[in-house]
């Protein structure tokens, strides 16, 4: 039996999560373009999500 497949998903605030690949994405979340095992997806998120603050907070801090 193979490992379950997951997608890396991202919301409008550029926050990341993983989602079972065989399920419909929840409202407000989009496929971030990476799929794999749970561990692979979490490792990918560790690489790309370098600032945990929501997008709106980052933008407010920059102005």
PDB file of N, CA and C in Angstrom:
ATOM      1  N   UNK A   1       0.840  -1.190   0.000  1.00  0.00           N
ATOM      2  CA  UNK A   1       0.000   0.000   0.000  1.00  0.00           C
ATOM      3  C   UNK A   1       0.880   1.248   0.000  1.00  0.00           C
ATOM      4  N   UNK A   2       0.545   2.209  -0.841  1.00  0.00           N
ATOM      5  CA  UNK A   2       1.352   3.426  -0.936  1.00  0.00           C
ATOM      6  C   UNK A   2       0.913   4.444   0.115  1.00  0.00           C
ATOM      7  N   UNK A   3       1.809   5.374   0.392  1.00  0.00           N
ATOM      8  CA  UNK A   3       1.492   6.445   1.337  1.00  0.00           C
ATOM      9  C   UNK A   3       0.397   7.327   0.762  1.00  0.00           C
ATOM     10  N   UNK A   4      -0.467   7.866   1.626  1.00  0.00           N
ATOM     11  CA  UNK A   4      -1.485   8.810   1.139  1.00  0.00           C
ATOM     12  C   UNK A   4      -0.809  10.031   0.516  1.00  0.00           C
ATOM     13  N   UNK A   5      -1.448  10.596  -0.497  1.00  0.00           N
ATOM     14  CA  UNK A   5      -0.917  11.770  -1.176  1.00  0.00           C
ATOM     15  C   UNK A   5      -1.577  13.025  -0.615  1.00  0.00           C
ATOM     16  N   UNK A   6      -0.787  14.061  -0.507  1.00  0.00           N
ATOM     17  CA  UNK A   6      -1.254  15.345  -0.003  1.00  0.00           C
ATOM     18  C   UNK A   6      -0.863  16.438  -0.978  1.00  0.00           C
ATOM     19  N   UNK A   7      -1.566  17.549  -0.887  1.00  0.00           N
ATOM     20  CA  UNK A   7      -1.250  18.762  -1.622  1.00  0.00           C
ATOM     21  C   UNK A   7      -0.809  19.825  -0.634  1.00  0.00           C
ATOM     22  N   UNK A   8       0.105  20.678  -1.054  1.00  0.00           N
ATOM     23  CA  UNK A   8       0.388  21.892  -0.295  1.00  0.00           C
ATOM     24  C   UNK A   8      -0.621  22.917  -0.786  1.00  0.00           C
ATOM     25  N   UNK A   9      -1.305  23.551   0.141  1.00  0.00           N
ATOM     26  CA  UNK A   9      -2.310  24.552  -0.200  1.00  0.00           C
ATOM     27  C   UNK A   9      -1.954  25.869   0.480  1.00  0.00           C
ATOM     28  N   UNK A  10      -2.473  26.962  -0.110  1.00  0.00           N
ATOM     29  CA  UNK A  10      -2.184  28.303   0.412  1.00  0.00           C
ATOM     30  C   UNK A  10      -3.451  29.136   0.342  1.00  0.00           C
ATOM     31  N   UNK A  11      -3.652  29.983   1.343  1.00  0.00           N
ATOM     32  CA  UNK A  11      -4.825  30.859   1.328  1.00  0.00           C
ATOM     33  C   UNK A  11      -4.437  32.268   0.889  1.00  0.00           C
ATOM     34  N   UNK A  12      -5.395  33.167   0.873  1.00  0.00           N
ATOM     35  CA  UNK A  12      -5.155  34.535   0.403  1.00  0.00           C
ATOM     36  C   UNK A  12      -4.188  35.308   1.292  1.00  0.00           C
ATOM     37  N   UNK A  13      -4.021  34.874   2.527  1.00  0.00           N
ATOM     38  CA  UNK A  13      -3.073  35.506   3.444  1.00  0.00           C
ATOM     39  C   UNK A  13      -1.687  34.873   3.326  1.00  0.00           C
ATOM     40  N   UNK A  14      -1.515  34.006   2.322  1.00  0.00           N
ATOM     41  CA  UNK A  14      -0.260  33.315   2.049  1.00  0.00           C
ATOM     42  C   UNK A  14       0.192  32.446   3.219  1.00  0.00           C
ATOM     43  N   UNK A  15      -0.788  31.826   3.873  1.00  0.00           N
ATOM     44  CA  UNK A  15      -0.527  30.841   4.907  1.00  0.00           C
ATOM     45  C   UNK A  15      -0.638  29.467   4.262  1.00  0.00           C
ATOM     46  N   UNK A  16       0.218  28.549   4.653  1.00  0.00           N
ATOM     47  CA  UNK A  16       0.296  27.229   4.033  1.00  0.00           C
ATOM     48  C   UNK A  16      -0.269  26.143   4.943  1.00  0.00           C
ATOM     49  N   UNK A  17      -0.713  25.085   4.307  1.00  0.00           N
ATOM     50  CA  UNK A  17      -1.176  23.896   5.004  1.00  0.00           C
ATOM     51  C   UNK A  17      -1.080  22.722   4.039  1.00  0.00           C
ATOM     52  N   UNK A  18      -1.426  21.537   4.518  1.00  0.00           N
ATOM     53  CA  UNK A  18      -1.512  20.387   3.625  1.00  0.00           C
ATOM     54  C   UNK A  18      -2.950  19.902   3.618  1.00  0.00           C
ATOM     55  N   UNK A  19      -3.303  19.228   2.525  1.00  0.00           N
ATOM     56  CA  UNK A  19      -4.675  18.767   2.328  1.00  0.00           C
ATOM     57  C   UNK A  19      -4.634  17.440   1.583  1.00  0.00           C
ATOM     58  N   UNK A  20      -5.476  16.519   1.968  1.00  0.00           N
ATOM     59  CA  UNK A  20      -5.530  15.226   1.289  1.00  0.00           C
ATOM     60  C   UNK A  20      -5.825  15.438  -0.197  1.00  0.00           C
ATOM     61  N   UNK A  21      -5.013  14.841  -1.065  1.00  0.00           N
ATOM     62  CA  UNK A  21      -5.120  15.063  -2.506  1.00  0.00           C
ATOM     63  C   UNK A  21      -6.440  14.580  -3.087  1.00  0.00           C
ATOM     64  N   UNK A  22      -7.078  13.629  -2.428  1.00  0.00           N
ATOM     65  CA  UNK A  22      -8.323  13.076  -2.973  1.00  0.00           C
ATOM     66  C   UNK A  22      -9.574  13.800  -2.474  1.00  0.00           C
ATOM     67  N   UNK A  23      -9.386  14.897  -1.765  1.00  0.00           N
ATOM     68  CA  UNK A  23     -10.520  15.668  -1.256  1.00  0.00           C
ATOM     69  C   UNK A  23     -10.615  17.011  -1.956  1.00  0.00           C
ATOM     70  N   UNK A  24     -11.819  17.527  -2.054  1.00  0.00           N
ATOM     71  CA  UNK A  24     -12.031  18.851  -2.636  1.00  0.00           C
ATOM     72  C   UNK A  24     -11.425  19.899  -1.713  1.00  0.00           C
ATOM     73  N   UNK A  25     -10.761  20.894  -2.313  1.00  0.00           N
ATOM     74  CA  UNK A  25     -10.143  21.943  -1.502  1.00  0.00           C
ATOM     75  C   UNK A  25     -11.208  22.752  -0.771  1.00  0.00           C
ATOM     76  N   UNK A  26     -10.932  23.147   0.468  1.00  0.00           N
ATOM     77  CA  UNK A  26     -11.886  23.980   1.192  1.00  0.00           C
ATOM     78  C   UNK A  26     -11.923  25.391   0.612  1.00  0.00           C
ATOM     79  N   UNK A  27     -13.005  26.079   0.837  1.00  0.00           N
ATOM     80  CA  UNK A  27     -13.157  27.455   0.361  1.00  0.00           C
ATOM     81  C   UNK A  27     -12.014  28.314   0.900  1.00  0.00           C
ATOM     82  N   UNK A  28     -11.477  29.151   0.026  1.00  0.00           N
ATOM     83  CA  UNK A  28     -10.428  30.081   0.433  1.00  0.00           C
ATOM     84  C   UNK A  28      -9.016  29.535   0.309  1.00  0.00           C
ATOM     85  N   UNK A  29      -8.866  28.302  -0.130  1.00  0.00           N
ATOM     86  CA  UNK A  29      -7.549  27.692  -0.272  1.00  0.00           C
ATOM     87  C   UNK A  29      -7.317  27.286  -1.718  1.00  0.00           C
ATOM     88  N   UNK A  30      -6.066  27.438  -2.193  1.00  0.00           N
ATOM     89  CA  UNK A  30      -5.702  27.071  -3.550  1.00  0.00           C
ATOM     90  C   UNK A  30      -4.524  26.093  -3.498  1.00  0.00           C
ATOM     91  N   UNK A  31      -4.430  25.289  -4.531  1.00  0.00           N
ATOM     92  CA  UNK A  31      -3.292  24.386  -4.697  1.00  0.00           C
ATOM     93  C   UNK A  31      -2.036  25.239  -4.880  1.00  0.00           C
ATOM     94  N   UNK A  32      -1.011  25.000  -4.087  1.00  0.00           N
ATOM     95  CA  UNK A  32       0.231  25.769  -4.169  1.00  0.00           C
ATOM     96  C   UNK A  32       1.243  25.130  -5.112  1.00  0.00           C
ATOM     97  N   UNK A  33       0.854  24.048  -5.795  1.00  0.00           N
ATOM     98  CA  UNK A  33       1.709  23.475  -6.819  1.00  0.00           C
ATOM     99  C   UNK A  33       2.688  22.416  -6.354  1.00  0.00           C
ATOM    100  N   UNK A  34       2.456  21.837  -5.188  1.00  0.00           N
ATOM    101  CA  UNK A  34       3.344  20.770  -4.720  1.00  0.00           C
ATOM    102  C   UNK A  34       2.492  19.654  -4.147  1.00  0.00           C
ATOM    103  N   UNK A  35       2.839  18.414  -4.462  1.00  0.00           N
ATOM    104  CA  UNK A  35       2.132  17.242  -3.948  1.00  0.00           C
ATOM    105  C   UNK A  35       3.152  16.201  -3.534  1.00  0.00           C
ATOM    106  N   UNK A  36       2.795  15.379  -2.568  1.00  0.00           N
ATOM    107  CA  UNK A  36       3.687  14.311  -2.129  1.00  0.00           C
ATOM    108  C   UNK A  36       3.141  13.648  -0.882  1.00  0.00           C
ATOM    109  N   UNK A  37       4.015  12.964  -0.182  1.00  0.00           N
ATOM    110  CA  UNK A  37       3.623  12.376   1.091  1.00  0.00           C
ATOM    111  C   UNK A  37       3.454  13.507   2.108  1.00  0.00           C
ATOM    112  N   UNK A  38       2.889  13.181   3.238  1.00  0.00           N
ATOM    113  CA  UNK A  38       2.714  14.189   4.295  1.00  0.00           C
ATOM    114  C   UNK A  38       4.065  14.815   4.642  1.00  0.00           C
ATOM    115  N   UNK A  39       5.072  13.971   4.830  1.00  0.00           N
ATOM    116  CA  UNK A  39       6.392  14.445   5.219  1.00  0.00           C
ATOM    117  C   UNK A  39       7.022  15.320   4.131  1.00  0.00           C
ATOM    118  N   UNK A  40       6.866  14.925   2.863  1.00  0.00           N
ATOM    119  CA  UNK A  40       7.407  15.733   1.765  1.00  0.00           C
ATOM    120  C   UNK A  40       6.731  17.095   1.706  1.00  0.00           C
ATOM    121  N   UNK A  41       5.416  17.111   1.897  1.00  0.00           N
ATOM    122  CA  UNK A  41       4.682  18.380   1.855  1.00  0.00           C
ATOM    123  C   UNK A  41       5.083  19.285   3.011  1.00  0.00           C
ATOM    124  N   UNK A  42       5.216  18.719   4.200  1.00  0.00           N
ATOM    125  CA  UNK A  42       5.629  19.535   5.345  1.00  0.00           C
ATOM    126  C   UNK A  42       7.045  20.066   5.153  1.00  0.00           C
ATOM    127  N   UNK A  43       7.937  19.274   4.574  1.00  0.00           N
ATOM    128  CA  UNK A  43       9.301  19.737   4.291  1.00  0.00           C
ATOM    129  C   UNK A  43       9.277  20.875   3.275  1.00  0.00           C
ATOM    130  N   UNK A  44       8.421  20.768   2.264  1.00  0.00           N
ATOM    131  CA  UNK A  44       8.296  21.835   1.264  1.00  0.00           C
ATOM    132  C   UNK A  44       7.805  23.126   1.920  1.00  0.00           C
ATOM    133  N   UNK A  45       6.822  23.018   2.791  1.00  0.00           N
ATOM    134  CA  UNK A  45       6.310  24.201   3.489  1.00  0.00           C
ATOM    135  C   UNK A  45       7.418  24.837   4.318  1.00  0.00           C
ATOM    136  N   UNK A  46       8.228  24.025   5.003  1.00  0.00           N
ATOM    137  CA  UNK A  46       9.350  24.571   5.778  1.00  0.00           C
ATOM    138  C   UNK A  46      10.294  25.383   4.902  1.00  0.00           C
ATOM    139  N   UNK A  47      10.428  24.994   3.646  1.00  0.00           N
ATOM    140  CA  UNK A  47      11.326  25.688   2.717  1.00  0.00           C
ATOM    141  C   UNK A  47      10.729  26.993   2.202  1.00  0.00           C
ATOM    142  N   UNK A  48       9.438  26.984   1.863  1.00  0.00           N
ATOM    143  CA  UNK A  48       8.852  28.155   1.191  1.00  0.00           C
ATOM    144  C   UNK A  48       8.177  29.147   2.135  1.00  0.00           C
ATOM    145  N   UNK A  49       7.758  28.711   3.305  1.00  0.00           N
ATOM    146  CA  UNK A  49       7.035  29.604   4.217  1.00  0.00           C
ATOM    147  C   UNK A  49       8.015  30.128   5.252  1.00  0.00           C
ATOM    148  N   UNK A  50       8.773  31.131   4.867  1.00  0.00           N
ATOM    149  CA  UNK A  50       9.847  31.634   5.719  1.00  0.00           C
ATOM    150  C   UNK A  50       9.392  32.719   6.688  1.00  0.00           C
ATOM    151  N   UNK A  51       8.259  33.336   6.429  1.00  0.00           N
ATOM    152  CA  UNK A  51       7.717  34.376   7.317  1.00  0.00           C
ATOM    153  C   UNK A  51       6.291  33.965   7.666  1.00  0.00           C
ATOM    154  N   UNK A  52       6.083  33.536   8.894  1.00  0.00           N
ATOM    155  CA  UNK A  52       4.801  32.974   9.310  1.00  0.00           C
ATOM    156  C   UNK A  52       3.685  34.021   9.454  1.00  0.00           C
ATOM    157  N   UNK A  53       4.036  35.295   9.399  1.00  0.00           N
ATOM    158  CA  UNK A  53       3.006  36.324   9.552  1.00  0.00           C
ATOM    159  C   UNK A  53       2.071  36.325   8.342  1.00  0.00           C
ATOM    160  N   UNK A  54       0.771  36.523   8.574  1.00  0.00           N
ATOM    161  CA  UNK A  54      -0.149  36.645   7.438  1.00  0.00           C
ATOM    162  C   UNK A  54       0.272  37.803   6.527  1.00  0.00           C
ATOM    163  N   UNK A  55      -0.080  37.717   5.264  1.00  0.00           N
ATOM    164  CA  UNK A  55       0.280  38.727   4.267  1.00  0.00           C
ATOM    165  C   UNK A  55      -0.139  40.130   4.706  1.00  0.00           C
ATOM    166  N   UNK A  56      -1.345  40.262   5.242  1.00  0.00           N
ATOM    167  CA  UNK A  56      -1.832  41.588   5.652  1.00  0.00           C
ATOM    168  C   UNK A  56      -0.958  42.183   6.757  1.00  0.00           C
ATOM    169  N   UNK A  57      -0.457  41.369   7.654  1.00  0.00           N
ATOM    170  CA  UNK A  57       0.403  41.860   8.742  1.00  0.00           C
ATOM    171  C   UNK A  57       1.758  42.254   8.175  1.00  0.00           C
ATOM    172  N   UNK A  58       2.306  41.453   7.267  1.00  0.00           N
ATOM    173  CA  UNK A  58       3.597  41.797   6.653  1.00  0.00           C
ATOM    174  C   UNK A  58       3.497  43.124   5.905  1.00  0.00           C
ATOM    175  N   UNK A  59       2.398  43.296   5.143  1.00  0.00           N
ATOM    176  CA  UNK A  59       2.235  44.529   4.377  1.00  0.00           C
ATOM    177  C   UNK A  59       2.063  45.738   5.299  1.00  0.00           C
ATOM    178  N   UNK A  60       1.327  45.595   6.395  1.00  0.00           N
ATOM    179  CA  UNK A  60       1.146  46.697   7.336  1.00  0.00           C
ATOM    180  C   UNK A  60       2.462  47.070   8.001  1.00  0.00           C
ATOM    181  N   UNK A  61       3.289  46.095   8.311  1.00  0.00           N
ATOM    182  CA  UNK A  61       4.580  46.355   8.939  1.00  0.00           C
ATOM    183  C   UNK A  61       5.555  47.020   7.974  1.00  0.00           C
ATOM    184  N   UNK A  62       5.391  46.777   6.687  1.00  0.00           N
ATOM    185  CA  UNK A  62       6.291  47.347   5.678  1.00  0.00           C
ATOM    186  C   UNK A  62       5.960  48.798   5.352  1.00  0.00           C
ATOM    187  N   UNK A  63       4.752  49.246   5.692  1.00  0.00           N
ATOM    188  CA  UNK A  63       4.371  50.630   5.328  1.00  0.00           C
ATOM    189  C   UNK A  63       4.615  51.597   6.449  1.00  0.00           C
TER     190      UNK A  63
END
